[in-house]
């Protein structure tokens, strides 16, 4: 993030903080930020509640998760994952608004997963050369990653949402803590 800010010429306008968002679930921070993001950590609803207390009203937060596609087997619906429409409902129930959304197509998911698999395979091979005792676990890890990729190209799709936090109202005050 710091390198990206420097390339964009906005380093003087940015301050980046890395921390445990979980600690704010029970005790909101004293300072609020203009933006916050969470990548691959918590399910969307929990992430939204945690991030929105970190940003000022009018600020933005970014979440990534996966959505259940129409026609997906029931086990995915029962796992707690949301459909795209449900993501919108939940975000709006907090009084917030989705300002940008990207739910991947099958082609996007396949390209991304292929690139990831290639990087992981290369890194696992290097680790296996350095630590031969890890060959079995690394092989199992790569197999699990391939299986996950099939799911993310089928019944589930990765998604990213940029959300503008609304003002606190009596209606959504309880949703933020």
Protein backbone atom coordinates (compact mmCIF):
# COMPACT_ATOMS: atom_id res chain seq x y z
CA UNK A 1 0.00 0.00 0.00
CA UNK A 2 2.84 2.37 0.83
CA UNK A 3 4.55 1.66 -2.51
CA UNK A 4 1.27 2.17 -4.38
CA UNK A 5 0.70 5.49 -2.59
CA UNK A 6 4.24 6.59 -3.47
CA UNK A 7 3.75 5.64 -7.16
CA UNK A 8 0.49 7.61 -7.18
CA UNK A 9 2.21 10.60 -5.56
CA UNK A 10 -0.11 10.65 -2.54
CA UNK A 11 2.17 9.36 0.25
CA UNK A 12 1.89 12.64 2.15
CA UNK A 13 -1.89 12.21 2.28
CA UNK A 14 -1.83 8.63 3.57
CA UNK A 15 -1.22 6.89 6.84
CA UNK A 16 -1.39 3.10 6.88
CA UNK A 17 -2.18 1.17 10.04
CA UNK A 18 -1.97 -2.59 10.41
CA UNK A 19 -3.72 -4.14 13.37
CA UNK A 20 -6.14 -6.63 14.80
CA UNK A 21 -9.65 -5.59 13.75
CA UNK A 22 -11.04 -8.15 16.19
CA UNK A 23 -10.15 -5.96 19.14
CA UNK A 24 -12.57 -3.31 17.87
CA UNK A 25 -15.55 -5.64 17.89
CA UNK A 26 -16.03 -5.05 21.61
CA UNK A 27 -14.37 -1.66 22.00
CA UNK A 28 -14.49 0.80 19.07
CA UNK A 29 -11.31 2.80 18.44
CA UNK A 30 -10.98 6.41 19.57
CA UNK A 31 -9.84 7.49 16.12
CA UNK A 32 -11.81 6.86 12.92
CA UNK A 33 -10.23 6.52 9.50
CA UNK A 34 -11.20 7.59 5.99
CA UNK A 35 -10.84 4.04 4.70
CA UNK A 36 -10.30 0.50 5.93
CA UNK A 37 -10.09 -2.87 4.24
CA UNK A 38 -10.14 -6.52 5.16
CA UNK A 39 -8.97 -9.21 2.78
CA UNK A 40 -9.82 -12.89 3.20
CA UNK A 41 -10.29 -12.78 6.93
CA UNK A 42 -13.90 -12.91 8.08
CA UNK A 43 -17.28 -13.56 6.48
CA UNK A 44 -18.84 -10.47 4.94
CA UNK A 45 -21.28 -9.62 7.72
CA UNK A 46 -18.68 -9.78 10.47
CA UNK A 47 -16.14 -7.90 8.36
CA UNK A 48 -18.66 -5.15 7.58
CA UNK A 49 -19.54 -4.67 11.26
CA UNK A 50 -15.87 -4.54 12.24
CA UNK A 51 -14.75 -2.23 9.43
CA UNK A 52 -17.59 0.25 9.63
CA UNK A 53 -16.65 1.18 13.21
CA UNK A 54 -13.14 1.95 11.97
CA UNK A 55 -14.23 4.49 9.34
CA UNK A 56 -15.79 7.90 9.68
CA UNK A 57 -19.32 8.45 8.38
CA UNK A 58 -18.83 9.01 4.66
CA UNK A 59 -15.62 6.95 4.69
CA UNK A 60 -15.20 3.72 2.76
CA UNK A 61 -14.43 0.16 3.65
CA UNK A 62 -13.49 -2.68 1.34
CA UNK A 63 -14.33 -6.32 1.89
CA UNK A 64 -13.64 -9.43 -0.11
CA UNK A 65 -15.56 -12.66 0.29
CA UNK A 66 -17.35 -15.14 -1.94
CA UNK A 67 -20.99 -15.25 -2.99
CA UNK A 68 -23.21 -18.24 -3.63
CA UNK A 69 -24.27 -18.46 -7.25
CA UNK A 70 -27.83 -19.33 -8.33
CA UNK A 71 -28.35 -23.07 -8.49
CA UNK A 72 -25.49 -23.85 -6.07
CA UNK A 73 -25.90 -26.99 -3.97
CA UNK A 74 -27.74 -26.42 -0.70
CA UNK A 75 -24.63 -27.10 1.40
CA UNK A 76 -23.16 -23.79 0.23
CA UNK A 77 -26.29 -21.88 1.19
CA UNK A 78 -26.33 -23.63 4.57
CA UNK A 79 -22.68 -22.69 5.19
CA UNK A 80 -23.65 -19.08 5.86
CA UNK A 81 -22.37 -17.64 2.60
CA UNK A 82 -24.61 -15.05 0.99
CA UNK A 83 -25.98 -14.49 -2.48
CA UNK A 84 -25.14 -11.25 -4.24
CA UNK A 85 -28.61 -9.88 -3.42
CA UNK A 86 -28.17 -10.80 0.24
CA UNK A 87 -24.83 -8.98 0.36
CA UNK A 88 -26.64 -5.82 -0.79
CA UNK A 89 -29.41 -6.33 1.78
CA UNK A 90 -26.96 -6.75 4.67
CA UNK A 91 -24.81 -3.77 3.74
CA UNK A 92 -27.88 -1.58 3.29
CA UNK A 93 -29.29 -2.77 6.65
CA UNK A 94 -26.32 -1.04 8.29
CA UNK A 95 -27.29 2.21 6.56
CA UNK A 96 -24.31 1.91 4.21
CA UNK A 97 -24.14 1.86 0.41
CA UNK A 98 -22.15 -0.28 -1.99
CA UNK A 99 -20.38 2.13 -4.33
CA UNK A 100 -18.38 -0.42 -6.30
CA UNK A 101 -18.71 -4.16 -6.66
CA UNK A 102 -16.81 -6.84 -8.51
CA UNK A 103 -18.12 -10.40 -8.54
CA UNK A 104 -15.89 -12.49 -10.75
CA UNK A 105 -17.01 -14.30 -13.85
CA UNK A 106 -16.00 -17.93 -14.36
CA UNK A 107 -13.26 -16.80 -16.76
CA UNK A 108 -11.86 -14.28 -14.25
CA UNK A 109 -11.86 -16.91 -11.48
CA UNK A 110 -10.15 -19.49 -13.71
CA UNK A 111 -7.41 -17.06 -14.78
CA UNK A 112 -6.76 -15.93 -11.22
CA UNK A 113 -6.78 -19.45 -9.81
CA UNK A 114 -4.41 -20.66 -12.56
CA UNK A 115 -1.94 -17.86 -11.73
CA UNK A 116 -2.24 -18.59 -8.02
CA UNK A 117 -1.78 -22.33 -8.56
CA UNK A 118 1.35 -21.72 -10.65
CA UNK A 119 2.87 -19.50 -7.95
CA UNK A 120 1.98 -21.94 -5.19
CA UNK A 121 3.35 -24.91 -7.12
CA UNK A 122 6.64 -23.11 -7.69
CA UNK A 123 6.90 -22.04 -4.05
CA UNK A 124 5.97 -25.50 -2.73
CA UNK A 125 8.60 -27.10 -4.97
CA UNK A 126 11.23 -24.76 -3.53
CA UNK A 127 10.11 -25.51 0.02
CA UNK A 128 10.14 -29.25 -0.65
CA UNK A 129 13.74 -29.00 -1.89
CA UNK A 130 14.74 -27.12 1.28
CA UNK A 131 12.64 -29.31 3.59
CA UNK A 132 12.11 -32.79 2.10
CA UNK A 133 10.12 -33.82 5.18
CA UNK A 134 7.38 -31.40 4.07
CA UNK A 135 6.78 -33.00 0.65
CA UNK A 136 3.64 -34.87 1.77
CA UNK A 137 1.96 -31.91 3.52
CA UNK A 138 2.85 -29.59 0.64
CA UNK A 139 1.37 -32.04 -1.88
CA UNK A 140 -1.84 -32.22 0.20
CA UNK A 141 -1.93 -28.42 0.43
CA UNK A 142 -1.70 -28.07 -3.37
CA UNK A 143 -4.48 -30.66 -3.80
CA UNK A 144 -6.72 -28.70 -1.40
CA UNK A 145 -5.97 -25.51 -3.29
CA UNK A 146 -6.98 -27.13 -6.60
CA UNK A 147 -10.25 -28.33 -5.03
CA UNK A 148 -10.93 -24.84 -3.64
CA UNK A 149 -10.29 -23.37 -7.07
CA UNK A 150 -12.96 -25.64 -8.58
CA UNK A 151 -15.49 -24.35 -6.05
CA UNK A 152 -14.56 -20.70 -6.74
CA UNK A 153 -15.09 -21.29 -10.46
CA UNK A 154 -18.43 -23.02 -9.90
CA UNK A 155 -20.99 -22.69 -7.10
CA UNK A 156 -19.13 -19.81 -5.41
CA UNK A 157 -17.48 -16.72 -6.88
CA UNK A 158 -15.02 -14.30 -5.34
CA UNK A 159 -16.30 -10.79 -4.86
CA UNK A 160 -15.01 -7.44 -3.64
CA UNK A 161 -17.20 -4.61 -2.36
CA UNK A 162 -16.32 -0.98 -1.73
CA UNK A 163 -18.83 0.40 0.73
CA UNK A 164 -19.51 3.99 1.79
CA UNK A 165 -20.41 4.17 5.44
CA UNK A 166 -23.60 6.04 6.19
CA UNK A 167 -24.26 8.14 9.23
CA UNK A 168 -25.04 6.42 12.51
CA UNK A 169 -28.75 6.31 13.13
CA UNK A 170 -30.83 4.66 15.83
CA UNK A 171 -31.66 1.98 13.23
CA UNK A 172 -28.06 0.93 12.56
CA UNK A 173 -26.28 1.87 15.80
CA UNK A 174 -26.61 -1.65 17.16
CA UNK A 175 -25.27 -3.15 13.93
CA UNK A 176 -21.93 -1.38 14.26
CA UNK A 177 -20.71 -2.86 17.51
